[in-house]
């Protein structure tokens, strides 16, 4: 789920679950602040009922803020990332 305001894109949780920035504990995060991303690029994971859902970028842009904390529970509609559209 994404909301666009000018060049700012808010990426929000589409459902409740636990937020993960990395594919595995020993792996690096999918993205960091400043990472340039392409549309449909994986930004993070959301675990819901033991199933991992991929959180993908809704547009080309750059990550300007990571709002959610690693391994925290999120509710439907919680803000996760703020992107700046290309």
C-alpha atoms as a PDB file:
ATOM      1  CA  UNK A   1       0.000   0.000   0.000  1.00  0.00           C
ATOM      2  CA  UNK A   2       1.420   3.431  -0.926  1.00  0.00           C
ATOM      3  CA  UNK A   3       0.282   7.026  -0.688  1.00  0.00           C
ATOM      4  CA  UNK A   4       1.775   9.727  -2.881  1.00  0.00           C
ATOM      5  CA  UNK A   5       2.079  13.376  -1.916  1.00  0.00           C
ATOM      6  CA  UNK A   6       3.984  15.384  -4.518  1.00  0.00           C
ATOM      7  CA  UNK A   7       7.318  13.626  -4.798  1.00  0.00           C
ATOM      8  CA  UNK A   8       6.971  11.924  -1.394  1.00  0.00           C
ATOM      9  CA  UNK A   9       5.723   8.334  -1.389  1.00  0.00           C
ATOM     10  CA  UNK A  10       4.615   6.717   1.864  1.00  0.00           C
ATOM     11  CA  UNK A  11       4.896   2.929   1.942  1.00  0.00           C
ATOM     12  CA  UNK A  12       2.478   1.478   4.498  1.00  0.00           C
ATOM     13  CA  UNK A  13       1.777  -2.014   5.808  1.00  0.00           C
ATOM     14  CA  UNK A  14      -0.932  -3.745   3.785  1.00  0.00           C
ATOM     15  CA  UNK A  15      -1.714  -6.019   6.758  1.00  0.00           C
ATOM     16  CA  UNK A  16      -0.633  -6.658  10.334  1.00  0.00           C
ATOM     17  CA  UNK A  17       2.608  -8.551  10.933  1.00  0.00           C
ATOM     18  CA  UNK A  18       6.206  -8.403  12.117  1.00  0.00           C
ATOM     19  CA  UNK A  19       8.554  -6.155  10.115  1.00  0.00           C
ATOM     20  CA  UNK A  20      11.963  -7.413   8.951  1.00  0.00           C
ATOM     21  CA  UNK A  21      14.524  -5.312   7.057  1.00  0.00           C
ATOM     22  CA  UNK A  22      16.742  -8.332   6.231  1.00  0.00           C
ATOM     23  CA  UNK A  23      16.116 -11.646   4.438  1.00  0.00           C
ATOM     24  CA  UNK A  24      17.943 -13.460   7.304  1.00  0.00           C
ATOM     25  CA  UNK A  25      19.586 -12.330  10.574  1.00  0.00           C
ATOM     26  CA  UNK A  26      23.124 -12.625   9.174  1.00  0.00           C
ATOM     27  CA  UNK A  27      22.269 -10.890   5.874  1.00  0.00           C
ATOM     28  CA  UNK A  28      22.408  -7.132   5.158  1.00  0.00           C
ATOM     29  CA  UNK A  29      19.216  -5.073   5.032  1.00  0.00           C
ATOM     30  CA  UNK A  30      17.405  -4.882   1.700  1.00  0.00           C
ATOM     31  CA  UNK A  31      17.675  -1.068   1.694  1.00  0.00           C
ATOM     32  CA  UNK A  32      19.130   1.766   3.758  1.00  0.00           C
ATOM     33  CA  UNK A  33      18.370   5.484   3.829  1.00  0.00           C
ATOM     34  CA  UNK A  34      19.754   6.862   0.558  1.00  0.00           C
ATOM     35  CA  UNK A  35      19.278   3.642  -1.425  1.00  0.00           C
ATOM     36  CA  UNK A  36      17.955   4.273  -4.948  1.00  0.00           C
ATOM     37  CA  UNK A  37      15.203   1.757  -5.707  1.00  0.00           C
ATOM     38  CA  UNK A  38      13.299   0.609  -8.757  1.00  0.00           C
ATOM     39  CA  UNK A  39       9.582  -0.066  -8.943  1.00  0.00           C
ATOM     40  CA  UNK A  40       8.756  -3.527  -7.494  1.00  0.00           C
ATOM     41  CA  UNK A  41      12.189  -3.835  -5.806  1.00  0.00           C
ATOM     42  CA  UNK A  42      11.985  -5.602  -2.418  1.00  0.00           C
ATOM     43  CA  UNK A  43      12.293  -3.138   0.469  1.00  0.00           C
ATOM     44  CA  UNK A  44      11.612  -5.474   3.406  1.00  0.00           C
ATOM     45  CA  UNK A  45       9.514  -8.403   4.625  1.00  0.00           C
ATOM     46  CA  UNK A  46       6.342  -8.604   6.691  1.00  0.00           C
ATOM     47  CA  UNK A  47       5.691 -11.899   8.509  1.00  0.00           C
ATOM     48  CA  UNK A  48       2.014 -12.695   8.896  1.00  0.00           C
ATOM     49  CA  UNK A  49       0.936 -16.050  10.319  1.00  0.00           C
ATOM     50  CA  UNK A  50       4.392 -17.614   9.607  1.00  0.00           C
ATOM     51  CA  UNK A  51       4.262 -16.455   5.964  1.00  0.00           C
ATOM     52  CA  UNK A  52       6.680 -13.793   4.721  1.00  0.00           C
ATOM     53  CA  UNK A  53       5.166 -11.141   2.450  1.00  0.00           C
ATOM     54  CA  UNK A  54       7.525  -9.007   0.361  1.00  0.00           C
ATOM     55  CA  UNK A  55       7.145  -5.250   0.750  1.00  0.00           C
ATOM     56  CA  UNK A  56       7.976  -3.814  -2.669  1.00  0.00           C
ATOM     57  CA  UNK A  57       8.624  -0.297  -3.871  1.00  0.00           C
ATOM     58  CA  UNK A  58       5.554   1.186  -5.580  1.00  0.00           C
ATOM     59  CA  UNK A  59       7.723   3.414  -7.812  1.00  0.00           C
ATOM     60  CA  UNK A  60      11.259   4.351  -8.799  1.00  0.00           C
ATOM     61  CA  UNK A  61      12.827   6.593  -6.184  1.00  0.00           C
ATOM     62  CA  UNK A  62      15.122   6.948  -3.202  1.00  0.00           C
ATOM     63  CA  UNK A  63      14.615   5.837   0.404  1.00  0.00           C
ATOM     64  CA  UNK A  64      14.589   9.004   2.547  1.00  0.00           C
ATOM     65  CA  UNK A  65      13.326   7.529   5.826  1.00  0.00           C
ATOM     66  CA  UNK A  66      12.829   4.113   7.389  1.00  0.00           C
ATOM     67  CA  UNK A  67      10.098   4.641   9.965  1.00  0.00           C
ATOM     68  CA  UNK A  68       9.496   1.101  11.253  1.00  0.00           C
ATOM     69  CA  UNK A  69      11.956  -0.589  13.597  1.00  0.00           C
ATOM     70  CA  UNK A  70      13.419  -4.044  12.877  1.00  0.00           C
ATOM     71  CA  UNK A  71      11.363  -6.964  14.259  1.00  0.00           C
ATOM     72  CA  UNK A  72       8.496  -4.796  15.504  1.00  0.00           C
ATOM     73  CA  UNK A  73       4.823  -5.644  15.085  1.00  0.00           C
ATOM     74  CA  UNK A  74       2.987  -3.437  12.607  1.00  0.00           C
ATOM     75  CA  UNK A  75      -0.722  -2.906  12.117  1.00  0.00           C
ATOM     76  CA  UNK A  76      -2.563  -2.512   8.833  1.00  0.00           C
ATOM     77  CA  UNK A  77      -1.787   0.968   7.501  1.00  0.00           C
ATOM     78  CA  UNK A  78       1.296   1.681   9.653  1.00  0.00           C
ATOM     79  CA  UNK A  79       3.925   3.811   7.934  1.00  0.00           C
ATOM     80  CA  UNK A  80       7.067   1.821   7.046  1.00  0.00           C
ATOM     81  CA  UNK A  81       9.122   3.806   4.524  1.00  0.00           C
ATOM     82  CA  UNK A  82       9.157   7.259   2.984  1.00  0.00           C
ATOM     83  CA  UNK A  83      10.502   7.416  -0.564  1.00  0.00           C
ATOM     84  CA  UNK A  84      11.245  10.371  -2.808  1.00  0.00           C
ATOM     85  CA  UNK A  85       9.928   9.683  -6.311  1.00  0.00           C
ATOM     86  CA  UNK A  86      12.233  10.090  -9.314  1.00  0.00           C
END
